Amino acid sequence: MKRVIMIKYGELTTKKGNRNFFVNSLYKSILNKLKKYNVFISKDLSRMYIEFEEKDLDNILKRVNKIFGIHKYNVAYKINTSIDEIKESILDIIKKEEFNTFKVETKRSDKDFPIKSIEFSKQIGGLILKNKSNIKVDVHKPDLLLNIEIRKDFTFIYTNDYCGLGGYPNNTLGKAIVMLSGGIDSPVAAYLAIKRGIHIETVYFEAIPHTSLEARNKVIELCKKLSVYTNNIKLHIVPFTKLQEEIYKKVDSEYVITIMRRMMYRITERIVQKRKAEAIVNGESVGQVASQTLTSMKAINSVTNLPVIRPVSCLDKLEIIDLAKKIDTYDISILPYEDCCTVFVPKHPIINPNPNYCTEMEKSIDYEKMINDILLNIETITITEEDKTEFNDLL
């Protein structure tokens, strides 16, 4: 019997007139992820099927499990739509399974098939009971759920059911720039943005010698972890030292973080425009630190008209940590290398900054000239899912 991987779309099926676009995008995504393997992929509006070489199955499943846009997937037996062949195949399948209770579910899209779904499930159930001892039917919580999907030319039989990542396929809902600090929160925010079909590029603010090359490498490693969910990630490294030192010298200490964040937003907005993106994404979580109170967010956000997406804004720290562990970024994020957001943190940062006072203090800094100089010296690294980096170009 030939086996195929059956892909179920889930949320993509709610897109009505745009379903073809999302299904085709998922098809391209899967094709790209499996380009190293000898596979054939076919699709319709409800399912996608991957034909493969048996020796590659485990590796293919690992890659399928990292593709957004897949609701569920199964390894199914593909056989001819023939009553005798279906029954014979099921007897072979159950010999390989260990179970005490079972249930049979039949879906019959081929209405020319002579037996109705419920009746056929009963027939197959009886066949299994007759040919395997010490088992019984359990329609509520069976050890084994045997699924039979009867189509015109082929029938698919499967027992396993794997949960996919859900979400939307890569690059279906625009591009955004993620402010990636190296902490726990921003990689999780990046992951959640990718899950919603957003193609991401990342920006990291570097303040050497106040921050280290280890801190930069930490961010690169985080991008490598995230890149398995997309084709590649561009990391824009921003030389922030001079502007950050100027802020530290000329701004009231309690406002240092607020003004620094406002400058980061201004720079990120320029990168968004240059890279033809549509939004900024960051890892801010309401109330977690002084710059993430609602009044602080309002004061900082006021320097840009771009949408600012905060995927983890309403999650608590433990929820964010759980997600970081799930996507394997947590151990990297907790490495003890400070980024520029933590180097100059004052003892008592303001939690309710006055936007007008922010504007007044910024007049003492020639920040437009400094931002222009910064933009001319941004270093861009392209990080691929094969964990290779290319130090390729300036922004």
Protein backbone atom coordinates (compact mmCIF):
# COMPACT_ATOMS: atom_id res chain seq x y z
CA MET A 1 0.00 0.00 0.00
CA LYS A 2 1.23 3.47 -0.86
CA ARG A 3 1.34 6.11 1.87
CA VAL A 4 0.91 9.86 1.49
CA ILE A 5 0.95 12.81 3.90
CA MET A 6 -2.51 14.40 3.96
CA ILE A 7 -2.58 18.10 4.81
CA LYS A 8 -5.72 19.69 6.30
CA TYR A 9 -6.08 23.45 5.97
CA GLY A 10 -8.22 24.52 8.91
CA GLU A 11 -8.46 28.33 9.04
CA LEU A 12 -7.58 28.68 5.35
CA THR A 13 -10.95 27.16 4.43
CA THR A 14 -12.72 30.22 5.91
CA LYS A 15 -11.27 32.52 3.25
CA LYS A 16 -14.01 31.95 0.66
CA GLY A 17 -13.04 33.90 -2.47
CA ASN A 18 -9.39 34.13 -1.36
CA ARG A 19 -9.02 30.46 -0.54
CA ASN A 20 -7.13 29.69 -3.75
CA PHE A 21 -4.53 32.35 -2.91
CA PHE A 22 -3.88 30.92 0.56
CA VAL A 23 -3.88 27.29 -0.62
CA ASN A 24 -1.45 28.11 -3.44
CA SER A 25 0.77 30.00 -0.98
CA LEU A 26 0.80 26.99 1.34
CA TYR A 27 1.62 24.74 -1.62
CA LYS A 28 4.65 26.92 -2.49
CA SER A 29 5.71 26.98 1.14
CA ILE A 30 5.63 23.19 1.45
CA LEU A 31 7.34 22.74 -1.90
CA ASN A 32 10.15 25.05 -0.81
CA LYS A 33 10.59 23.33 2.57
CA LEU A 34 10.75 19.89 0.95
CA LYS A 35 12.92 20.81 -2.04
CA LYS A 36 15.68 18.47 -0.82
CA TYR A 37 13.38 15.45 -1.08
CA ASN A 38 11.84 13.57 -3.95
CA VAL A 39 8.18 14.48 -3.40
CA PHE A 40 5.11 15.08 -5.50
CA ILE A 41 2.45 17.43 -4.11
CA SER A 42 -1.14 17.60 -5.34
CA LYS A 43 -3.91 19.79 -3.95
CA ASP A 44 -7.58 20.64 -4.02
CA LEU A 45 -9.69 23.10 -2.02
CA SER A 46 -9.99 20.82 1.02
CA ARG A 47 -6.79 18.77 1.14
CA MET A 48 -3.19 18.62 0.00
CA TYR A 49 -1.31 15.37 -0.56
CA ILE A 50 2.45 14.77 -0.41
CA GLU A 51 3.77 11.64 -2.06
CA PHE A 52 7.23 10.72 -0.76
CA GLU A 53 9.91 8.06 -0.53
CA GLU A 54 9.47 5.97 2.64
CA LYS A 55 13.09 6.47 3.73
CA ASP A 56 12.48 10.22 3.98
CA LEU A 57 9.25 10.15 6.00
CA ASP A 58 10.62 11.06 9.44
CA ASN A 59 12.66 13.99 8.11
CA ILE A 60 9.76 15.24 6.00
CA LEU A 61 7.39 15.15 8.98
CA LYS A 62 9.85 17.22 11.03
CA ARG A 63 9.83 19.89 8.33
CA VAL A 64 6.07 19.77 7.81
CA ASN A 65 5.70 20.38 11.54
CA LYS A 66 7.40 23.78 11.11
CA ILE A 67 5.15 25.08 8.31
CA PHE A 68 2.48 27.65 9.11
CA GLY A 69 -0.91 27.29 7.44
CA ILE A 70 -1.34 23.60 8.27
CA HIS A 71 -4.16 22.79 10.70
CA LYS A 72 -3.63 19.02 10.90
CA TYR A 73 -1.78 16.36 8.94
CA ASN A 74 -1.90 12.59 8.69
CA VAL A 75 0.10 9.77 7.17
CA ALA A 76 -2.57 8.03 5.12
CA TYR A 77 -2.73 4.90 3.01
CA LYS A 78 -3.84 5.67 -0.56
CA ILE A 79 -5.69 2.83 -2.26
CA ASN A 80 -8.16 2.33 -5.09
CA THR A 81 -11.82 2.96 -4.27
CA SER A 82 -12.93 -0.65 -4.16
CA ILE A 83 -14.87 -2.28 -1.33
CA ASP A 84 -12.75 -5.42 -1.40
CA GLU A 85 -9.47 -3.48 -1.54
CA ILE A 86 -10.55 -1.19 1.30
CA LYS A 87 -11.42 -4.13 3.54
CA GLU A 88 -8.26 -6.03 2.70
CA SER A 89 -6.12 -2.94 3.37
CA ILE A 90 -7.79 -2.27 6.72
CA LEU A 91 -7.04 -5.82 7.87
CA ASP A 92 -3.38 -5.24 7.01
CA ILE A 93 -3.37 -1.87 8.82
CA ILE A 94 -4.86 -3.10 12.10
CA LYS A 95 -2.29 -5.88 12.31
CA LYS A 96 0.32 -3.14 12.84
CA GLU A 97 -1.65 -1.35 15.56
CA GLU A 98 -1.92 -2.07 19.28
CA PHE A 99 -5.26 -1.03 20.82
CA ASN A 100 -8.02 -2.18 23.14
CA THR A 101 -10.81 0.10 21.89
CA PHE A 102 -11.52 1.59 18.49
CA LYS A 103 -13.93 3.62 16.41
CA VAL A 104 -14.44 3.82 12.63
CA GLU A 105 -15.36 7.09 10.88
CA THR A 106 -16.18 7.13 7.16
CA LYS A 107 -16.50 10.18 4.91
CA ARG A 108 -17.93 9.46 1.48
CA SER A 109 -17.46 12.32 -1.01
CA ASP A 110 -18.03 9.84 -3.87
CA LYS A 111 -21.83 9.51 -3.80
CA ASP A 112 -21.62 6.71 -6.38
CA PHE A 113 -20.03 4.51 -3.76
CA PRO A 114 -22.78 1.94 -3.09
CA ILE A 115 -22.70 1.94 0.72
CA LYS A 116 -23.55 4.96 2.87
CA SER A 117 -20.95 6.26 5.34
CA ILE A 118 -22.62 5.11 8.58
CA GLU A 119 -23.39 1.66 7.22
CA PHE A 120 -19.87 1.24 5.87
CA SER A 121 -18.38 2.23 9.25
CA LYS A 122 -20.52 -0.49 10.85
CA GLN A 123 -19.35 -3.07 8.31
CA ILE A 124 -15.70 -2.18 8.87
CA GLY A 125 -16.20 -2.23 12.65
CA GLY A 126 -17.64 -5.72 12.41
CA LEU A 127 -14.76 -6.81 10.20
CA ILE A 128 -12.22 -5.56 12.74
CA LEU A 129 -14.00 -7.22 15.68
CA LYS A 130 -14.05 -10.49 13.76
CA ASN A 131 -10.35 -10.43 12.92
CA LYS A 132 -8.74 -9.03 16.09
CA SER A 133 -9.33 -10.49 19.55
CA ASN A 134 -9.82 -8.80 22.92
CA ILE A 135 -10.97 -5.45 21.53
CA LYS A 136 -14.21 -3.50 21.63
CA VAL A 137 -15.83 -0.42 20.13
CA ASP A 138 -15.67 2.90 22.03
CA VAL A 139 -17.29 5.81 20.19
CA HIS A 140 -16.25 8.40 22.82
CA LYS A 141 -12.56 7.92 23.66
CA PRO A 142 -11.16 5.11 21.52
CA ASP A 143 -7.51 4.07 21.62
CA LEU A 144 -7.62 3.89 17.82
CA LEU A 145 -9.65 6.10 15.51
CA LEU A 146 -9.75 4.60 12.01
CA ASN A 147 -10.61 7.22 9.38
CA ILE A 148 -11.78 6.28 5.89
CA GLU A 149 -12.17 9.02 3.25
CA ILE A 150 -13.78 7.64 0.08
CA ARG A 151 -13.13 9.62 -3.11
CA LYS A 152 -13.99 8.92 -6.75
CA ASP A 153 -10.72 7.29 -7.75
CA PHE A 154 -8.88 6.81 -4.48
CA THR A 155 -9.66 6.11 -0.84
CA PHE A 156 -7.50 7.34 2.03
CA ILE A 157 -7.23 5.40 5.29
CA TYR A 158 -5.40 6.75 8.32
CA THR A 159 -5.22 6.29 12.09
CA ASN A 160 -2.87 9.01 13.22
CA ASP A 161 -3.64 12.70 13.59
CA TYR A 162 -0.92 15.32 14.06
CA CYS A 163 -1.60 18.96 14.96
CA GLY A 164 0.07 21.49 12.66
CA LEU A 165 1.09 25.03 13.62
CA GLY A 166 -2.06 26.63 12.18
CA GLY A 167 -1.91 30.28 11.17
CA TYR A 168 -1.31 31.49 7.63
CA PRO A 169 1.37 30.53 5.09
CA ASN A 170 4.53 32.61 4.88
CA ASN A 171 4.39 36.01 3.25
CA THR A 172 0.64 36.11 2.62
CA LEU A 173 -0.23 39.18 4.70
CA GLY A 174 2.55 41.69 4.09
CA LYS A 175 5.92 42.54 5.62
CA ALA A 176 6.88 44.00 9.00
CA ILE A 177 10.10 44.92 10.78
CA VAL A 178 10.56 43.25 14.17
CA MET A 179 12.48 45.09 16.90
CA LEU A 180 14.56 42.16 18.18
CA SER A 181 16.30 42.90 21.47
CA GLY A 182 17.73 39.52 22.40
CA GLY A 183 15.43 39.09 25.39
CA ILE A 184 12.69 36.52 25.89
CA ASP A 185 9.73 38.50 24.56
CA SER A 186 10.71 39.81 21.13
CA PRO A 187 11.58 36.41 19.54
CA VAL A 188 8.17 35.12 20.68
CA ALA A 189 6.54 38.22 19.14
CA ALA A 190 8.42 37.53 15.90
CA TYR A 191 7.23 33.90 15.89
CA LEU A 192 3.60 34.97 16.40
CA ALA A 193 3.90 37.53 13.59
CA ILE A 194 5.21 34.85 11.23
CA LYS A 195 2.30 32.64 12.28
CA ARG A 196 -0.15 35.28 11.01
CA GLY A 197 1.40 35.21 7.53
CA ILE A 198 3.63 38.27 8.05
CA HIS A 199 7.00 38.19 6.35
CA ILE A 200 9.45 39.58 8.88
CA GLU A 201 12.78 41.33 8.82
CA THR A 202 14.45 42.18 12.12
CA VAL A 203 16.31 45.16 13.54
CA TYR A 204 18.83 45.02 16.40
CA PHE A 205 20.16 48.14 18.11
CA GLU A 206 23.83 47.72 18.97
CA ALA A 207 25.82 50.00 21.28
CA ILE A 208 29.42 48.77 21.24
CA PRO A 209 31.42 49.01 23.54
CA HIS A 210 28.50 49.17 25.99
CA THR A 211 27.12 46.01 24.41
CA SER A 212 29.26 43.09 23.28
CA LEU A 213 29.72 41.05 20.15
CA GLU A 214 28.33 38.15 22.20
CA ALA A 215 25.07 40.12 22.44
CA ARG A 216 25.04 40.46 18.65
CA ASN A 217 25.74 36.76 18.17
CA LYS A 218 22.93 35.99 20.59
CA VAL A 219 20.50 37.87 18.33
CA ILE A 220 21.89 36.07 15.26
CA GLU A 221 21.27 32.73 16.99
CA LEU A 222 17.70 33.79 17.76
CA CYS A 223 17.18 34.63 14.09
CA LYS A 224 18.49 31.18 13.18
CA LYS A 225 15.86 29.60 15.43
CA LEU A 226 13.13 31.74 13.87
CA SER A 227 14.32 31.12 10.31
CA VAL A 228 13.13 27.49 10.39
CA TYR A 229 9.58 28.88 10.16
CA THR A 230 10.31 30.96 7.07
CA ASN A 231 12.71 30.94 4.13
CA ASN A 232 15.18 33.48 5.48
CA ILE A 233 15.39 36.43 7.84
CA LYS A 234 17.22 39.69 7.25
CA LEU A 235 18.78 41.16 10.38
CA HIS A 236 19.54 44.91 10.27
CA ILE A 237 22.19 45.82 12.85
CA VAL A 238 21.87 49.47 13.88
CA PRO A 239 24.98 51.28 15.28
CA PHE A 240 23.22 53.08 18.14
CA THR A 241 26.19 54.00 20.39
CA LYS A 242 26.61 57.74 19.65
CA LEU A 243 22.90 58.53 19.78
CA GLN A 244 22.44 56.51 22.95
CA GLU A 245 25.37 58.28 24.65
CA GLU A 246 23.96 61.65 23.59
CA ILE A 247 20.60 60.75 25.12
CA TYR A 248 22.28 59.66 28.34
CA LYS A 249 24.19 62.96 28.60
CA LYS A 250 21.39 65.39 27.76
CA VAL A 251 18.13 63.82 28.95
CA ASP A 252 16.74 63.62 32.48
CA SER A 253 17.74 60.22 33.81
CA GLU A 254 14.17 59.07 34.46
CA TYR A 255 13.33 59.82 30.80
CA VAL A 256 16.35 58.07 29.26
CA ILE A 257 14.51 54.86 28.32
CA THR A 258 11.47 56.76 26.98
CA ILE A 259 13.59 58.99 24.71
CA MET A 260 15.75 56.04 23.64
CA ARG A 261 12.67 54.08 22.63
CA ARG A 262 11.29 57.07 20.72
CA MET A 263 14.56 57.24 18.76
CA MET A 264 14.41 53.51 18.07
CA TYR A 265 10.90 53.90 16.69
CA ARG A 266 12.03 56.76 14.43
CA ILE A 267 14.90 54.66 13.07
CA THR A 268 12.74 51.57 12.65
CA GLU A 269 10.14 53.64 10.79
CA ARG A 270 12.81 54.71 8.30
CA ILE A 271 13.87 51.07 7.87
CA VAL A 272 10.23 50.07 7.32
CA GLN A 273 9.95 52.67 4.57
CA LYS A 274 13.26 51.66 2.97
CA ARG A 275 12.40 47.95 3.03
CA LYS A 276 8.85 48.53 1.74
CA ALA A 277 7.27 47.03 4.84
CA GLU A 278 3.94 48.04 6.39
CA ALA A 279 4.34 47.82 10.16
CA ILE A 280 6.57 47.56 13.22
CA VAL A 281 6.44 44.50 15.49
CA ASN A 282 7.90 44.38 19.00
CA GLY A 283 7.83 42.32 22.17
CA GLU A 284 6.19 44.83 24.48
CA SER A 285 3.91 43.35 27.14
CA VAL A 286 1.61 45.70 29.02
CA GLY A 287 2.95 46.58 32.45
CA GLN A 288 6.03 44.37 32.30
CA VAL A 289 8.54 47.24 32.58
CA ALA A 290 8.32 51.02 32.98
CA SER A 291 8.39 51.71 29.22
CA GLN A 292 5.49 49.33 28.70
CA THR A 293 2.76 51.04 30.67
CA LEU A 294 -0.05 52.32 28.47
CA THR A 295 0.97 55.95 29.03
CA SER A 296 4.60 55.10 28.17
CA MET A 297 3.52 53.27 25.03
CA LYS A 298 1.43 56.27 24.00
CA ALA A 299 4.32 58.70 24.50
CA ILE A 300 6.77 56.45 22.63
CA ASN A 301 4.32 55.50 19.87
CA SER A 302 3.53 59.16 19.11
CA VAL A 303 6.70 59.56 16.99
CA THR A 304 5.38 57.23 14.27
CA ASN A 305 2.17 56.87 12.28
CA LEU A 306 2.93 53.26 11.39
CA PRO A 307 0.91 50.39 12.86
CA VAL A 308 2.81 48.91 15.83
CA ILE A 309 1.91 45.25 16.40
CA ARG A 310 2.52 43.85 19.88
CA PRO A 311 1.71 40.11 19.71
CA VAL A 312 2.56 39.39 23.36
CA SER A 313 1.05 42.58 24.80
CA CYS A 314 -1.65 40.76 26.80
CA LEU A 315 0.36 37.67 27.81
CA ASP A 316 1.97 37.37 31.23
CA LYS A 317 5.64 36.50 31.58
CA LEU A 318 5.07 32.81 32.29
CA GLU A 319 2.94 32.45 29.14
CA ILE A 320 5.67 34.13 27.09
CA ILE A 321 8.33 31.88 28.63
CA ASP A 322 6.28 28.79 27.77
CA LEU A 323 6.12 29.91 24.13
CA ALA A 324 9.85 30.71 24.12
CA LYS A 325 10.59 27.19 25.30
CA LYS A 326 8.25 25.73 22.70
CA ILE A 327 10.08 27.48 19.84
CA ASP A 328 13.50 26.79 21.39
CA THR A 329 14.58 30.43 21.87
CA TYR A 330 14.43 30.56 25.68
CA ASP A 331 17.91 29.18 26.45
CA ILE A 332 19.46 31.66 24.03
CA SER A 333 17.44 34.60 25.33
CA ILE A 334 18.59 34.10 28.92
CA LEU A 335 22.30 34.15 28.04
CA PRO A 336 23.88 36.93 30.17
CA TYR A 337 24.74 39.41 27.41
CA GLU A 338 23.08 42.80 27.82
CA ASP A 339 21.48 44.70 24.96
CA CYS A 340 21.28 48.49 24.74
CA CYS A 341 17.81 48.50 26.33
CA THR A 342 19.24 47.22 29.60
CA VAL A 343 22.70 48.84 29.71
CA PHE A 344 21.55 52.37 30.65
CA VAL A 345 18.40 51.61 32.63
CA PRO A 346 17.97 54.26 35.38
CA LYS A 347 17.08 53.33 38.95
CA HIS A 348 13.67 54.98 38.71
CA PRO A 349 12.45 55.18 35.08
CA ILE A 350 9.30 57.22 34.60
CA ILE A 351 6.11 55.21 34.12
CA ASN A 352 3.85 58.10 33.05
CA PRO A 353 5.98 60.25 30.73
CA ASN A 354 4.74 63.58 29.38
CA PRO A 355 4.94 63.57 25.56
CA ASN A 356 5.38 67.36 25.45
CA TYR A 357 8.30 67.19 27.86
CA CYS A 358 9.82 64.43 25.69
CA THR A 359 9.68 66.74 22.70
CA GLU A 360 11.31 69.58 24.66
CA MET A 361 14.21 67.42 25.82
CA GLU A 362 14.77 66.07 22.31
CA LYS A 363 15.44 69.61 21.07
CA SER A 364 18.84 69.43 22.80
CA ILE A 365 19.85 66.54 20.52
CA ASP A 366 20.55 66.88 16.81
CA TYR A 367 18.91 63.51 16.35
CA GLU A 368 17.87 63.90 12.70
CA LYS A 369 21.50 64.21 11.60
CA MET A 370 22.52 61.36 13.86
CA ILE A 371 19.73 59.13 12.56
CA ASN A 372 20.78 59.86 8.96
CA ASP A 373 24.36 58.87 9.84
CA ILE A 374 23.10 55.71 11.52
CA LEU A 375 21.04 54.72 8.48
CA LEU A 376 24.11 55.00 6.27
CA ASN A 377 26.00 52.52 8.46
CA ILE A 378 23.46 49.79 9.11
CA GLU A 379 24.83 46.31 8.50
CA THR A 380 22.45 43.71 7.08
CA ILE A 381 22.83 39.96 7.55
CA THR A 382 20.74 37.39 5.71
CA ILE A 383 20.07 34.32 7.83
CA THR A 384 18.75 31.19 6.11
CA GLU A 385 17.06 28.14 7.56
CA GLU A 386 20.20 26.12 6.82
CA ASP A 387 21.80 28.17 9.62
CA LYS A 388 24.19 30.00 7.32
CA THR A 389 24.71 33.74 7.55
CA GLU A 390 25.74 36.06 4.77
CA PHE A 391 27.19 39.43 5.75
CA ASN A 392 26.02 40.81 2.47
CA ASP A 393 25.05 44.43 2.26
CA LEU A 394 24.38 47.75 3.91
CA LEU A 395 20.79 48.95 4.08
